[in-house]
Amino acid sequence: MAVTQTENTLISSTANYNQDAVSNAGFKYLKMPRNVSEYTLMRGVTDFSNLKQFDLYETGYSFLTVVNVPRFMEILAKQDPYINELQEGFIHILECEFKGLDGISNVTSETGDISNGIDTTQFINKVTEETSTDVSMSFYERSGALLTKYIYKFLTGIKDPHSGAKTYHGLIGNAINDPGPDYETFTFLYYVTDNTMKRIEMAYLLANAQPNEAQFSDLYNAKRGEYSFQELNLSFKCYPIRGNTVNKYAALMLSNDLTTTDDSRRIILNHNDFKYKAFSYATDSGRGSRVASILSDTNTTELLNKASKNIPFEDLASKSQQQQ
């Protein structure tokens, strides 16, 4: 398969390294660290005037993409506009209000003993990484309980809480004849970037993801006089996968979201480029904007040209009055 221009750009991030070694380590398409071996770092006198040696890892930059939703929920959404609206909203909140994730496991080791009956030494004889884990993420619930209702619909479709039967809410025997776990899981792409939000530090495919509960108690246990916006801690069981292919698609998704023209997906890094809704209100005469009324009879293009050349507005105003 031909390598695209975007993939070439991603590969260039590891261009100074042996590509086979990078690939075999599962680090392809990830940001590679600087070479710090040429500096004294903190040994003896620390040269704090040479900040190149302190390119420190900074946390807090992470993203989530919903790769797949459960197949039986997709079918329900196609049949029921209400379920479709819940599902679209659920996906959009998970992706666009994602603030971080907790539950990624460490790679750990276990040791075996070698002993002569008196002295003992230990060596690593097993390395493990959790393949079934719970990850959690927090989101604000909406009025109308969008998140909770969608998860409730999902859970009760897998098993009716009072009969114990798998129903898919009426799809079994109609749209689905072979129900099973392959109809019942989400897939998430989770990735962490550096502080430029343009380079991938690490990526995970969270496969076989299923939410643990619909949090009715958090929403509907209430006490008079106590008011708060409810933040839900959504917990999913999942099977995390790492590697070059996951890294590649994380890098491609990040590149897409930084450059897309789809305003609902685009990640804008410079606030000066952001189109705040208040701007459209300020210039909409239909909403009673005084700015729109004042400028309605003015050559705004000429105003902007004058402003960009630092020509006094008084000169323009005088010219405008003379023309009238």
C-alpha atoms as a PDB file:
ATOM      1  CA  MET A   1       0.000   0.000   0.000  1.00  0.00           C
ATOM      2  CA  ALA A   2       1.383   3.422  -0.941  1.00  0.00           C
ATOM      3  CA  VAL A   3       2.403   5.748   1.869  1.00  0.00           C
ATOM      4  CA  THR A   4       0.387   8.971   1.876  1.00  0.00           C
ATOM      5  CA  GLN A   5       1.830  12.452   2.341  1.00  0.00           C
ATOM      6  CA  THR A   6       0.246  12.621   5.803  1.00  0.00           C
ATOM      7  CA  GLU A   7       1.840   9.309   6.793  1.00  0.00           C
ATOM      8  CA  ASN A   8       5.213  10.546   5.532  1.00  0.00           C
ATOM      9  CA  THR A   9       4.838  13.564   7.807  1.00  0.00           C
ATOM     10  CA  LEU A  10       4.023  11.311  10.736  1.00  0.00           C
ATOM     11  CA  ILE A  11       6.948   8.990  10.011  1.00  0.00           C
ATOM     12  CA  SER A  12       9.298  11.983   9.863  1.00  0.00           C
ATOM     13  CA  SER A  13       8.782  12.463  13.610  1.00  0.00           C
ATOM     14  CA  THR A  14      10.978   9.389  14.118  1.00  0.00           C
ATOM     15  CA  ALA A  15      13.258  10.024  11.138  1.00  0.00           C
ATOM     16  CA  ASN A  16      16.410  10.283  13.245  1.00  0.00           C
ATOM     17  CA  TYR A  17      15.931   6.783  14.612  1.00  0.00           C
ATOM     18  CA  ASN A  18      16.395   3.315  13.148  1.00  0.00           C
ATOM     19  CA  GLN A  19      12.936   2.682  11.712  1.00  0.00           C
ATOM     20  CA  ASP A  20      13.054  -1.083  12.289  1.00  0.00           C
ATOM     21  CA  ALA A  21      13.946  -0.554  15.947  1.00  0.00           C
ATOM     22  CA  VAL A  22      11.226   2.054  16.394  1.00  0.00           C
ATOM     23  CA  SER A  23       8.690  -0.172  14.666  1.00  0.00           C
ATOM     24  CA  ASN A  24       9.592  -3.278  16.651  1.00  0.00           C
ATOM     25  CA  ALA A  25       9.276  -1.350  19.902  1.00  0.00           C
ATOM     26  CA  GLY A  26       5.757  -0.240  18.989  1.00  0.00           C
ATOM     27  CA  PHE A  27       6.790   3.430  18.989  1.00  0.00           C
ATOM     28  CA  LYS A  28       6.218   4.271  15.324  1.00  0.00           C
ATOM     29  CA  TYR A  29       4.214   7.482  14.762  1.00  0.00           C
ATOM     30  CA  LEU A  30       4.839   8.549  18.380  1.00  0.00           C
ATOM     31  CA  LYS A  31       6.837  11.560  19.477  1.00  0.00           C
ATOM     32  CA  MET A  32      10.408  10.499  20.216  1.00  0.00           C
ATOM     33  CA  PRO A  33      12.416  12.055  23.068  1.00  0.00           C
ATOM     34  CA  ARG A  34      15.397  14.372  22.669  1.00  0.00           C
ATOM     35  CA  ASN A  35      18.887  13.003  23.127  1.00  0.00           C
ATOM     36  CA  VAL A  36      19.800  14.163  26.644  1.00  0.00           C
ATOM     37  CA  SER A  37      23.025  12.166  26.992  1.00  0.00           C
ATOM     38  CA  GLU A  38      25.152  15.144  25.863  1.00  0.00           C
ATOM     39  CA  TYR A  39      24.152  17.234  28.896  1.00  0.00           C
ATOM     40  CA  THR A  40      25.260  17.107  32.540  1.00  0.00           C
ATOM     41  CA  LEU A  41      21.625  17.502  33.658  1.00  0.00           C
ATOM     42  CA  MET A  42      21.605  17.769  37.478  1.00  0.00           C
ATOM     43  CA  ARG A  43      24.980  16.193  38.139  1.00  0.00           C
ATOM     44  CA  GLY A  44      27.152  18.683  39.998  1.00  0.00           C
ATOM     45  CA  VAL A  45      26.425  22.246  38.889  1.00  0.00           C
ATOM     46  CA  THR A  46      23.135  22.374  37.026  1.00  0.00           C
ATOM     47  CA  ASP A  47      23.165  24.528  33.904  1.00  0.00           C
ATOM     48  CA  PHE A  48      19.690  26.014  34.105  1.00  0.00           C
ATOM     49  CA  SER A  49      20.689  28.418  31.329  1.00  0.00           C
ATOM     50  CA  ASN A  50      20.565  25.470  28.897  1.00  0.00           C
ATOM     51  CA  LEU A  51      16.902  24.554  28.930  1.00  0.00           C
ATOM     52  CA  LYS A  52      17.178  22.111  26.029  1.00  0.00           C
ATOM     53  CA  GLN A  53      18.104  19.432  28.546  1.00  0.00           C
ATOM     54  CA  PHE A  54      14.827  19.902  30.433  1.00  0.00           C
ATOM     55  CA  ASP A  55      12.247  18.947  27.829  1.00  0.00           C
ATOM     56  CA  LEU A  56       9.944  17.545  30.494  1.00  0.00           C
ATOM     57  CA  TYR A  57       6.844  15.433  29.984  1.00  0.00           C
ATOM     58  CA  GLU A  58       3.698  17.457  30.651  1.00  0.00           C
ATOM     59  CA  THR A  59       0.396  15.769  31.436  1.00  0.00           C
ATOM     60  CA  GLY A  60      -3.138  16.875  30.680  1.00  0.00           C
ATOM     61  CA  TYR A  61      -3.448  16.656  26.873  1.00  0.00           C
ATOM     62  CA  SER A  62      -5.695  13.768  25.859  1.00  0.00           C
ATOM     63  CA  PHE A  63      -8.440  12.975  23.359  1.00  0.00           C
ATOM     64  CA  LEU A  64     -11.072  10.306  22.801  1.00  0.00           C
ATOM     65  CA  THR A  65     -12.635   9.159  19.538  1.00  0.00           C
ATOM     66  CA  VAL A  66     -15.615   6.805  19.480  1.00  0.00           C
ATOM     67  CA  VAL A  67     -14.648   4.254  16.818  1.00  0.00           C
ATOM     68  CA  ASN A  68     -17.737   2.048  17.114  1.00  0.00           C
ATOM     69  CA  VAL A  69     -20.918   1.865  19.151  1.00  0.00           C
ATOM     70  CA  PRO A  70     -22.669  -1.478  19.854  1.00  0.00           C
ATOM     71  CA  ARG A  71     -24.169  -2.917  16.683  1.00  0.00           C
ATOM     72  CA  PHE A  72     -27.586  -3.524  18.201  1.00  0.00           C
ATOM     73  CA  MET A  73     -27.733   0.123  19.305  1.00  0.00           C
ATOM     74  CA  GLU A  74     -26.825   1.200  15.757  1.00  0.00           C
ATOM     75  CA  ILE A  75     -29.753  -0.816  14.422  1.00  0.00           C
ATOM     76  CA  LEU A  76     -32.112   0.622  17.045  1.00  0.00           C
ATOM     77  CA  ALA A  77     -30.938   4.145  16.162  1.00  0.00           C
ATOM     78  CA  LYS A  78     -31.783   3.585  12.498  1.00  0.00           C
ATOM     79  CA  GLN A  79     -35.289   2.509  13.462  1.00  0.00           C
ATOM     80  CA  ASP A  80     -36.016   5.083  16.168  1.00  0.00           C
ATOM     81  CA  PRO A  81     -35.212   8.822  15.743  1.00  0.00           C
ATOM     82  CA  TYR A  82     -35.266   9.292  19.528  1.00  0.00           C
ATOM     83  CA  ILE A  83     -32.580   6.623  20.059  1.00  0.00           C
ATOM     84  CA  ASN A  84     -30.608   8.076  17.164  1.00  0.00           C
ATOM     85  CA  GLU A  85     -30.649  11.527  18.779  1.00  0.00           C
ATOM     86  CA  LEU A  86     -29.554  10.056  22.124  1.00  0.00           C
ATOM     87  CA  GLN A  87     -26.752   8.140  20.429  1.00  0.00           C
ATOM     88  CA  GLU A  88     -25.471  11.110  18.421  1.00  0.00           C
ATOM     89  CA  GLY A  89     -25.487  13.247  21.545  1.00  0.00           C
ATOM     90  CA  PHE A  90     -23.775  10.537  23.614  1.00  0.00           C
ATOM     91  CA  ILE A  91     -20.961  10.205  21.061  1.00  0.00           C
ATOM     92  CA  HIS A  92     -20.560  13.967  20.725  1.00  0.00           C
ATOM     93  CA  ILE A  93     -20.287  14.528  24.488  1.00  0.00           C
ATOM     94  CA  LEU A  94     -17.772  11.693  24.902  1.00  0.00           C
ATOM     95  CA  GLU A  95     -15.561  13.124  22.165  1.00  0.00           C
ATOM     96  CA  CYS A  96     -15.974  16.878  22.616  1.00  0.00           C
ATOM     97  CA  GLU A  97     -16.290  17.165  26.407  1.00  0.00           C
ATOM     98  CA  PHE A  98     -13.608  14.591  27.163  1.00  0.00           C
ATOM     99  CA  LYS A  99     -11.426  15.880  30.012  1.00  0.00           C
ATOM    100  CA  GLY A 100      -9.249  12.835  30.623  1.00  0.00           C
ATOM    101  CA  LEU A 101      -9.284   9.185  31.560  1.00  0.00           C
ATOM    102  CA  ASP A 102      -8.189   7.115  34.532  1.00  0.00           C
ATOM    103  CA  GLY A 103      -7.443   3.388  34.582  1.00  0.00           C
ATOM    104  CA  ILE A 104      -4.503   2.806  32.238  1.00  0.00           C
ATOM    105  CA  SER A 105      -2.429   0.019  33.801  1.00  0.00           C
ATOM    106  CA  ASN A 106       1.314  -0.280  34.294  1.00  0.00           C
ATOM    107  CA  VAL A 107       3.524  -2.955  32.785  1.00  0.00           C
ATOM    108  CA  THR A 108       4.727  -4.945  35.801  1.00  0.00           C
ATOM    109  CA  SER A 109       7.186  -7.725  36.513  1.00  0.00           C
ATOM    110  CA  GLU A 110       7.321 -10.764  38.764  1.00  0.00           C
ATOM    111  CA  THR A 111      10.445 -12.572  39.911  1.00  0.00           C
ATOM    112  CA  GLY A 112      11.637 -16.099  40.503  1.00  0.00           C
ATOM    113  CA  ASP A 113      14.132 -17.197  43.159  1.00  0.00           C
ATOM    114  CA  ILE A 114      17.486 -18.904  42.753  1.00  0.00           C
ATOM    115  CA  SER A 115      18.792 -20.204  46.066  1.00  0.00           C
ATOM    116  CA  ASN A 116      21.631 -22.368  47.380  1.00  0.00           C
ATOM    117  CA  GLY A 117      19.758 -23.018  50.588  1.00  0.00           C
ATOM    118  CA  ILE A 118      21.422 -20.124  52.393  1.00  0.00           C
ATOM    119  CA  ASP A 119      21.481 -17.133  50.042  1.00  0.00           C
ATOM    120  CA  THR A 120      18.838 -16.161  47.499  1.00  0.00           C
ATOM    121  CA  THR A 121      18.793 -13.944  44.457  1.00  0.00           C
ATOM    122  CA  GLN A 122      15.858 -12.982  42.299  1.00  0.00           C
ATOM    123  CA  PHE A 123      15.416 -12.437  38.581  1.00  0.00           C
ATOM    124  CA  ILE A 124      12.458 -11.301  36.503  1.00  0.00           C
ATOM    125  CA  ASN A 125      10.739 -14.338  35.030  1.00  0.00           C
ATOM    126  CA  LYS A 126       7.386 -12.833  34.096  1.00  0.00           C
ATOM    127  CA  VAL A 127       6.212  -9.501  32.657  1.00  0.00           C
ATOM    128  CA  THR A 128       2.497  -8.696  32.671  1.00  0.00           C
ATOM    129  CA  GLU A 129       0.133  -5.987  31.459  1.00  0.00           C
ATOM    130  CA  GLU A 130      -3.535  -5.851  32.394  1.00  0.00           C
ATOM    131  CA  THR A 131      -5.694  -6.946  29.487  1.00  0.00           C
ATOM    132  CA  SER A 132      -9.015  -6.443  31.235  1.00  0.00           C
ATOM    133  CA  THR A 133      -9.349  -3.134  32.994  1.00  0.00           C
ATOM    134  CA  ASP A 134     -11.827  -0.493  34.082  1.00  0.00           C
ATOM    135  CA  VAL A 135     -11.344   3.025  32.756  1.00  0.00           C
ATOM    136  CA  SER A 136     -13.313   5.989  34.020  1.00  0.00           C
ATOM    137  CA  MET A 137     -14.020   9.451  32.643  1.00  0.00           C
ATOM    138  CA  SER A 138     -16.224  12.269  33.887  1.00  0.00           C
ATOM    139  CA  PHE A 139     -18.826  14.301  32.029  1.00  0.00           C
ATOM    140  CA  TYR A 140     -21.574  16.732  32.990  1.00  0.00           C
ATOM    141  CA  GLU A 141     -25.006  15.203  32.589  1.00  0.00           C
ATOM    142  CA  ARG A 142     -27.517  17.178  30.541  1.00  0.00           C
ATOM    143  CA  SER A 143     -31.004  18.139  31.562  1.00  0.00           C
ATOM    144  CA  GLY A 144     -33.103  15.264  30.300  1.00  0.00           C
ATOM    145  CA  ALA A 145     -30.371  12.775  31.332  1.00  0.00           C
ATOM    146  CA  LEU A 146     -28.935  12.124  27.862  1.00  0.00           C
ATOM    147  CA  LEU A 147     -25.950  10.053  29.030  1.00  0.00           C
ATOM    148  CA  THR A 148     -27.869   8.073  31.630  1.00  0.00           C
ATOM    149  CA  LYS A 149     -30.797   7.264  29.351  1.00  0.00           C
ATOM    150  CA  TYR A 150     -28.521   6.037  26.566  1.00  0.00           C
ATOM    151  CA  ILE A 151     -26.539   3.774  28.907  1.00  0.00           C
ATOM    152  CA  TYR A 152     -29.797   2.523  30.468  1.00  0.00           C
ATOM    153  CA  LYS A 153     -31.130   1.625  27.025  1.00  0.00           C
ATOM    154  CA  PHE A 154     -27.882  -0.192  26.231  1.00  0.00           C
ATOM    155  CA  LEU A 155     -27.706  -2.175  29.478  1.00  0.00           C
ATOM    156  CA  THR A 156     -31.363  -3.225  29.519  1.00  0.00           C
ATOM    157  CA  GLY A 157     -31.102  -4.328  25.887  1.00  0.00           C
ATOM    158  CA  ILE A 158     -28.324  -6.760  26.777  1.00  0.00           C
ATOM    159  CA  LYS A 159     -30.261  -8.203  29.725  1.00  0.00           C
ATOM    160  CA  ASP A 160     -33.716  -7.284  30.965  1.00  0.00           C
ATOM    161  CA  PRO A 161     -33.192  -6.467  34.680  1.00  0.00           C
ATOM    162  CA  HIS A 162     -36.349  -8.311  35.739  1.00  0.00           C
ATOM    163  CA  SER A 163     -36.431 -11.339  33.444  1.00  0.00           C
ATOM    164  CA  GLY A 164     -32.719 -11.803  32.793  1.00  0.00           C
ATOM    165  CA  ALA A 165     -33.411 -12.262  29.066  1.00  0.00           C
ATOM    166  CA  LYS A 166     -31.279 -10.805  26.277  1.00  0.00           C
ATOM    167  CA  THR A 167     -33.765  -8.847  24.146  1.00  0.00           C
ATOM    168  CA  TYR A 168     -31.972  -6.067  22.217  1.00  0.00           C
ATOM    169  CA  HIS A 169     -35.318  -4.312  22.730  1.00  0.00           C
ATOM    170  CA  GLY A 170     -37.163  -6.483  20.232  1.00  0.00           C
ATOM    171  CA  LEU A 171     -34.434  -6.897  17.597  1.00  0.00           C
ATOM    172  CA  ILE A 172     -33.721 -10.580  18.306  1.00  0.00           C
ATOM    173  CA  GLY A 173     -35.607 -12.765  15.868  1.00  0.00           C
ATOM    174  CA  ASN A 174     -36.249  -9.778  13.629  1.00  0.00           C
ATOM    175  CA  ALA A 175     -33.211  -7.681  12.657  1.00  0.00           C
ATOM    176  CA  ILE A 176     -30.771  -9.937  14.556  1.00  0.00           C
ATOM    177  CA  ASN A 177     -30.795 -13.745  14.555  1.00  0.00           C
ATOM    178  CA  ASP A 178     -27.379 -14.437  16.080  1.00  0.00           C
ATOM    179  CA  PRO A 179     -27.105 -12.273  19.222  1.00  0.00           C
ATOM    180  CA  GLY A 180     -23.799 -12.239  21.071  1.00  0.00           C
ATOM    181  CA  PRO A 181     -21.007 -10.101  22.524  1.00  0.00           C
ATOM    182  CA  ASP A 182     -19.970  -8.851  19.067  1.00  0.00           C
ATOM    183  CA  TYR A 183     -23.216  -6.829  19.008  1.00  0.00           C
ATOM    184  CA  GLU A 184     -22.667  -5.351  22.464  1.00  0.00           C
ATOM    185  CA  THR A 185     -19.388  -3.412  22.706  1.00  0.00           C
ATOM    186  CA  PHE A 186     -17.987   0.047  22.084  1.00  0.00           C
ATOM    187  CA  THR A 187     -14.515   0.716  20.692  1.00  0.00           C
ATOM    188  CA  PHE A 188     -12.672   3.876  21.725  1.00  0.00           C
ATOM    189  CA  LEU A 189      -9.435   5.390  20.419  1.00  0.00           C
ATOM    190  CA  TYR A 190      -7.689   7.152  23.304  1.00  0.00           C
ATOM    191  CA  TYR A 191      -4.539   9.147  22.747  1.00  0.00           C
ATOM    192  CA  VAL A 192      -2.314  11.530  24.676  1.00  0.00           C
ATOM    193  CA  THR A 193      -0.379  14.363  22.997  1.00  0.00           C
ATOM    194  CA  ASP A 194       2.486  16.649  23.951  1.00  0.00           C
ATOM    195  CA  ASN A 195       1.747  20.232  24.972  1.00  0.00           C
ATOM    196  CA  THR A 196       1.633  21.431  21.364  1.00  0.00           C
ATOM    197  CA  MET A 197      -1.374  19.136  20.874  1.00  0.00           C
ATOM    198  CA  LYS A 198       0.179  18.129  17.546  1.00  0.00           C
ATOM    199  CA  ARG A 199       2.348  15.109  18.414  1.00  0.00           C
ATOM    200  CA  ILE A 200       1.207  11.766  19.853  1.00  0.00           C
ATOM    201  CA  GLU A 201       2.841  10.652  23.101  1.00  0.00           C
ATOM    202  CA  MET A 202       0.894   7.385  23.455  1.00  0.00           C
ATOM    203  CA  ALA A 203      -2.260   5.817  22.038  1.00  0.00           C
ATOM    204  CA  TYR A 204      -4.599   3.015  23.072  1.00  0.00           C
ATOM    205  CA  LEU A 205      -7.438   1.249  21.316  1.00  0.00           C
ATOM    206  CA  LEU A 206      -9.964   0.444  24.045  1.00  0.00           C
ATOM    207  CA  ALA A 207     -11.754  -2.567  22.600  1.00  0.00           C
ATOM    208  CA  ASN A 208     -14.702  -4.525  24.032  1.00  0.00           C
ATOM    209  CA  ALA A 209     -15.731  -1.482  26.064  1.00  0.00           C
ATOM    210  CA  GLN A 210     -18.972  -1.689  28.041  1.00  0.00           C
ATOM    211  CA  PRO A 211     -20.323   0.814  30.599  1.00  0.00           C
ATOM    212  CA  ASN A 212     -20.785  -0.594  34.088  1.00  0.00           C
ATOM    213  CA  GLU A 213     -23.884   1.261  35.230  1.00  0.00           C
ATOM    214  CA  ALA A 214     -26.622   3.781  34.522  1.00  0.00           C
ATOM    215  CA  GLN A 215     -26.224   6.188  37.429  1.00  0.00           C
ATOM    216  CA  PHE A 216     -29.811   6.829  38.495  1.00  0.00           C
ATOM    217  CA  SER A 217     -28.855   7.300  42.148  1.00  0.00           C
ATOM    218  CA  ASP A 218     -26.477  10.174  41.366  1.00  0.00           C
ATOM    219  CA  LEU A 219     -29.209  12.016  39.501  1.00  0.00           C
ATOM    220  CA  TYR A 220     -32.423  11.289  41.334  1.00  0.00           C
ATOM    221  CA  ASN A 221     -31.483  11.154  45.025  1.00  0.00           C
ATOM    222  CA  ALA A 222     -32.227  14.737  46.001  1.00  0.00           C
ATOM    223  CA  LYS A 223     -32.470  16.966  49.052  1.00  0.00           C
ATOM    224  CA  ARG A 224     -34.371  20.207  49.220  1.00  0.00           C
ATOM    225  CA  GLY A 225     -32.136  23.257  49.276  1.00  0.00           C
ATOM    226  CA  GLU A 226     -29.110  21.460  47.793  1.00  0.00           C
ATOM    227  CA  TYR A 227     -28.534  22.375  44.153  1.00  0.00           C
ATOM    228  CA  SER A 228     -25.629  21.400  41.919  1.00  0.00           C
ATOM    229  CA  PHE A 229     -24.761  20.510  38.359  1.00  0.00           C
ATOM    230  CA  GLN A 230     -24.289  16.757  38.234  1.00  0.00           C
ATOM    231  CA  GLU A 231     -21.003  15.363  36.957  1.00  0.00           C
ATOM    232  CA  LEU A 232     -21.072  11.637  36.189  1.00  0.00           C
ATOM    233  CA  ASN A 233     -18.071   9.347  36.469  1.00  0.00           C
ATOM    234  CA  LEU A 234     -18.628   6.910  33.590  1.00  0.00           C
ATOM    235  CA  SER A 235     -16.794   3.622  34.027  1.00  0.00           C
ATOM    236  CA  PHE A 236     -16.175   1.143  31.196  1.00  0.00           C
ATOM    237  CA  LYS A 237     -14.687  -2.337  31.239  1.00  0.00           C
ATOM    238  CA  CYS A 238     -12.404  -2.704  28.227  1.00  0.00           C
ATOM    239  CA  TYR A 239      -9.487  -4.497  26.580  1.00  0.00           C
ATOM    240  CA  PRO A 240      -6.637  -2.009  25.903  1.00  0.00           C
ATOM    241  CA  ILE A 241      -4.451  -2.484  22.813  1.00  0.00           C
ATOM    242  CA  ARG A 242      -1.229  -0.608  21.982  1.00  0.00           C
ATOM    243  CA  GLY A 243       1.079  -0.724  18.969  1.00  0.00           C
ATOM    244  CA  ASN A 244       2.108   0.851  15.683  1.00  0.00           C
ATOM    245  CA  THR A 245      -1.280   0.487  13.990  1.00  0.00           C
ATOM    246  CA  VAL A 246      -3.044   2.149  16.916  1.00  0.00           C
ATOM    247  CA  ASN A 247      -0.426   4.925  16.932  1.00  0.00           C
ATOM    248  CA  LYS A 248      -0.904   5.469  13.195  1.00  0.00           C
ATOM    249  CA  TYR A 249      -4.652   5.955  13.394  1.00  0.00           C
ATOM    250  CA  ALA A 250      -4.358   8.171  16.458  1.00  0.00           C
ATOM    251  CA  ALA A 251      -1.913  10.397  14.547  1.00  0.00           C
ATOM    252  CA  LEU A 252      -4.195  10.448  11.500  1.00  0.00           C
ATOM    253  CA  MET A 253      -7.252  11.322  13.618  1.00  0.00           C
ATOM    254  CA  LEU A 254      -5.373  14.127  15.360  1.00  0.00           C
ATOM    255  CA  SER A 255      -4.152  15.485  12.011  1.00  0.00           C
ATOM    256  CA  ASN A 256      -7.702  15.351  10.651  1.00  0.00           C
ATOM    257  CA  ASP A 257      -9.233  17.118  13.655  1.00  0.00           C
ATOM    258  CA  LEU A 258      -6.648  19.896  13.518  1.00  0.00           C
ATOM    259  CA  THR A 259      -7.330  20.616   9.834  1.00  0.00           C
ATOM    260  CA  THR A 260     -10.946  19.616   9.150  1.00  0.00           C
ATOM    261  CA  THR A 261     -13.480  22.213   8.030  1.00  0.00           C
ATOM    262  CA  ASP A 262     -16.163  20.444  10.081  1.00  0.00           C
ATOM    263  CA  ASP A 263     -16.723  22.947  12.910  1.00  0.00           C
ATOM    264  CA  SER A 264     -18.224  20.252  15.156  1.00  0.00           C
ATOM    265  CA  ARG A 265     -14.920  18.306  15.101  1.00  0.00           C
ATOM    266  CA  ARG A 266     -12.201  20.861  14.487  1.00  0.00           C
ATOM    267  CA  ILE A 267      -9.681  21.451  17.278  1.00  0.00           C
ATOM    268  CA  ILE A 268      -8.780  25.160  17.312  1.00  0.00           C
ATOM    269  CA  LEU A 269      -5.555  25.882  19.202  1.00  0.00           C
ATOM    270  CA  ASN A 270      -5.376  29.668  18.757  1.00  0.00           C
ATOM    271  CA  HIS A 271      -8.251  31.476  20.427  1.00  0.00           C
ATOM    272  CA  ASN A 272      -7.942  34.330  17.924  1.00  0.00           C
ATOM    273  CA  ASP A 273      -9.114  31.931  15.216  1.00  0.00           C
ATOM    274  CA  PHE A 274     -12.189  30.839  17.152  1.00  0.00           C
ATOM    275  CA  LYS A 275     -15.573  32.093  15.988  1.00  0.00           C
ATOM    276  CA  TYR A 276     -17.371  32.861  19.236  1.00  0.00           C
ATOM    277  CA  LYS A 277     -21.151  32.799  19.006  1.00  0.00           C
ATOM    278  CA  ALA A 278     -21.263  36.250  20.573  1.00  0.00           C
ATOM    279  CA  PHE A 279     -19.661  37.654  17.402  1.00  0.00           C
ATOM    280  CA  SER A 280     -22.616  36.620  15.277  1.00  0.00           C
ATOM    281  CA  TYR A 281     -25.043  38.039  17.846  1.00  0.00           C
ATOM    282  CA  ALA A 282     -23.148  41.350  17.869  1.00  0.00           C
ATOM    283  CA  THR A 283     -23.521  41.787  14.113  1.00  0.00           C
ATOM    284  CA  ASP A 284     -27.026  40.376  13.619  1.00  0.00           C
ATOM    285  CA  SER A 285     -29.494  43.189  13.110  1.00  0.00           C
ATOM    286  CA  GLY A 286     -32.320  40.670  13.405  1.00  0.00           C
ATOM    287  CA  ARG A 287     -31.347  40.199  17.059  1.00  0.00           C
ATOM    288  CA  GLY A 288     -31.415  43.939  17.726  1.00  0.00           C
ATOM    289  CA  SER A 289     -27.663  44.447  17.543  1.00  0.00           C
ATOM    290  CA  ARG A 290     -26.701  48.117  17.939  1.00  0.00           C
ATOM    291  CA  VAL A 291     -23.404  47.412  16.137  1.00  0.00           C
ATOM    292  CA  ALA A 292     -25.277  46.099  13.106  1.00  0.00           C
ATOM    293  CA  SER A 293     -27.572  49.127  13.106  1.00  0.00           C
ATOM    294  CA  ILE A 294     -24.687  51.609  13.371  1.00  0.00           C
ATOM    295  CA  LEU A 295     -22.706  49.968  10.592  1.00  0.00           C
ATOM    296  CA  SER A 296     -25.635  49.216   8.303  1.00  0.00           C
ATOM    297  CA  ASP A 297     -25.024  52.280   6.110  1.00  0.00           C
ATOM    298  CA  THR A 298     -21.229  52.258   6.370  1.00  0.00           C
ATOM    299  CA  ASN A 299     -18.654  50.880   3.976  1.00  0.00           C
ATOM    300  CA  THR A 300     -17.234  48.301   6.421  1.00  0.00           C
ATOM    301  CA  THR A 301     -14.578  47.137   3.943  1.00  0.00           C
ATOM    302  CA  GLU A 302     -13.172  50.643   3.770  1.00  0.00           C
ATOM    303  CA  LEU A 303     -13.321  50.905   7.569  1.00  0.00           C
ATOM    304  CA  LEU A 304     -11.272  47.742   7.953  1.00  0.00           C
ATOM    305  CA  ASN A 305      -8.750  48.897   5.359  1.00  0.00           C
ATOM    306  CA  LYS A 306      -8.301  52.182   7.190  1.00  0.00           C
ATOM    307  CA  ALA A 307      -7.964  50.399  10.534  1.00  0.00           C
ATOM    308  CA  SER A 308      -5.300  48.051   9.196  1.00  0.00           C
ATOM    309  CA  LYS A 309      -3.278  51.063   7.943  1.00  0.00           C
ATOM    310  CA  ASN A 310      -3.690  52.945  11.234  1.00  0.00           C
ATOM    311  CA  ILE A 311      -5.485  55.831   9.486  1.00  0.00           C
ATOM    312  CA  PRO A 312      -7.568  57.825  12.007  1.00  0.00           C
ATOM    313  CA  PHE A 313     -11.237  56.931  11.964  1.00  0.00           C
ATOM    314  CA  GLU A 314     -12.087  60.628  12.160  1.00  0.00           C
ATOM    315  CA  ASP A 315     -10.779  61.056   8.602  1.00  0.00           C
ATOM    316  CA  LEU A 316     -13.014  58.260   7.375  1.00  0.00           C
ATOM    317  CA  ALA A 317     -16.038  59.591   9.245  1.00  0.00           C
ATOM    318  CA  SER A 318     -15.498  63.046   7.747  1.00  0.00           C
ATOM    319  CA  LYS A 319     -15.215  61.550   4.271  1.00  0.00           C
ATOM    320  CA  SER A 320     -18.389  59.525   4.805  1.00  0.00           C
ATOM    321  CA  GLN A 321     -20.350  62.646   5.866  1.00  0.00           C
ATOM    322  CA  GLN A 322     -19.104  64.585   2.826  1.00  0.00           C
ATOM    323  CA  GLN A 323     -20.325  61.821   0.499  1.00  0.00           C
ATOM    324  CA  GLN A 324     -23.756  61.964   2.119  1.00  0.00           C
END
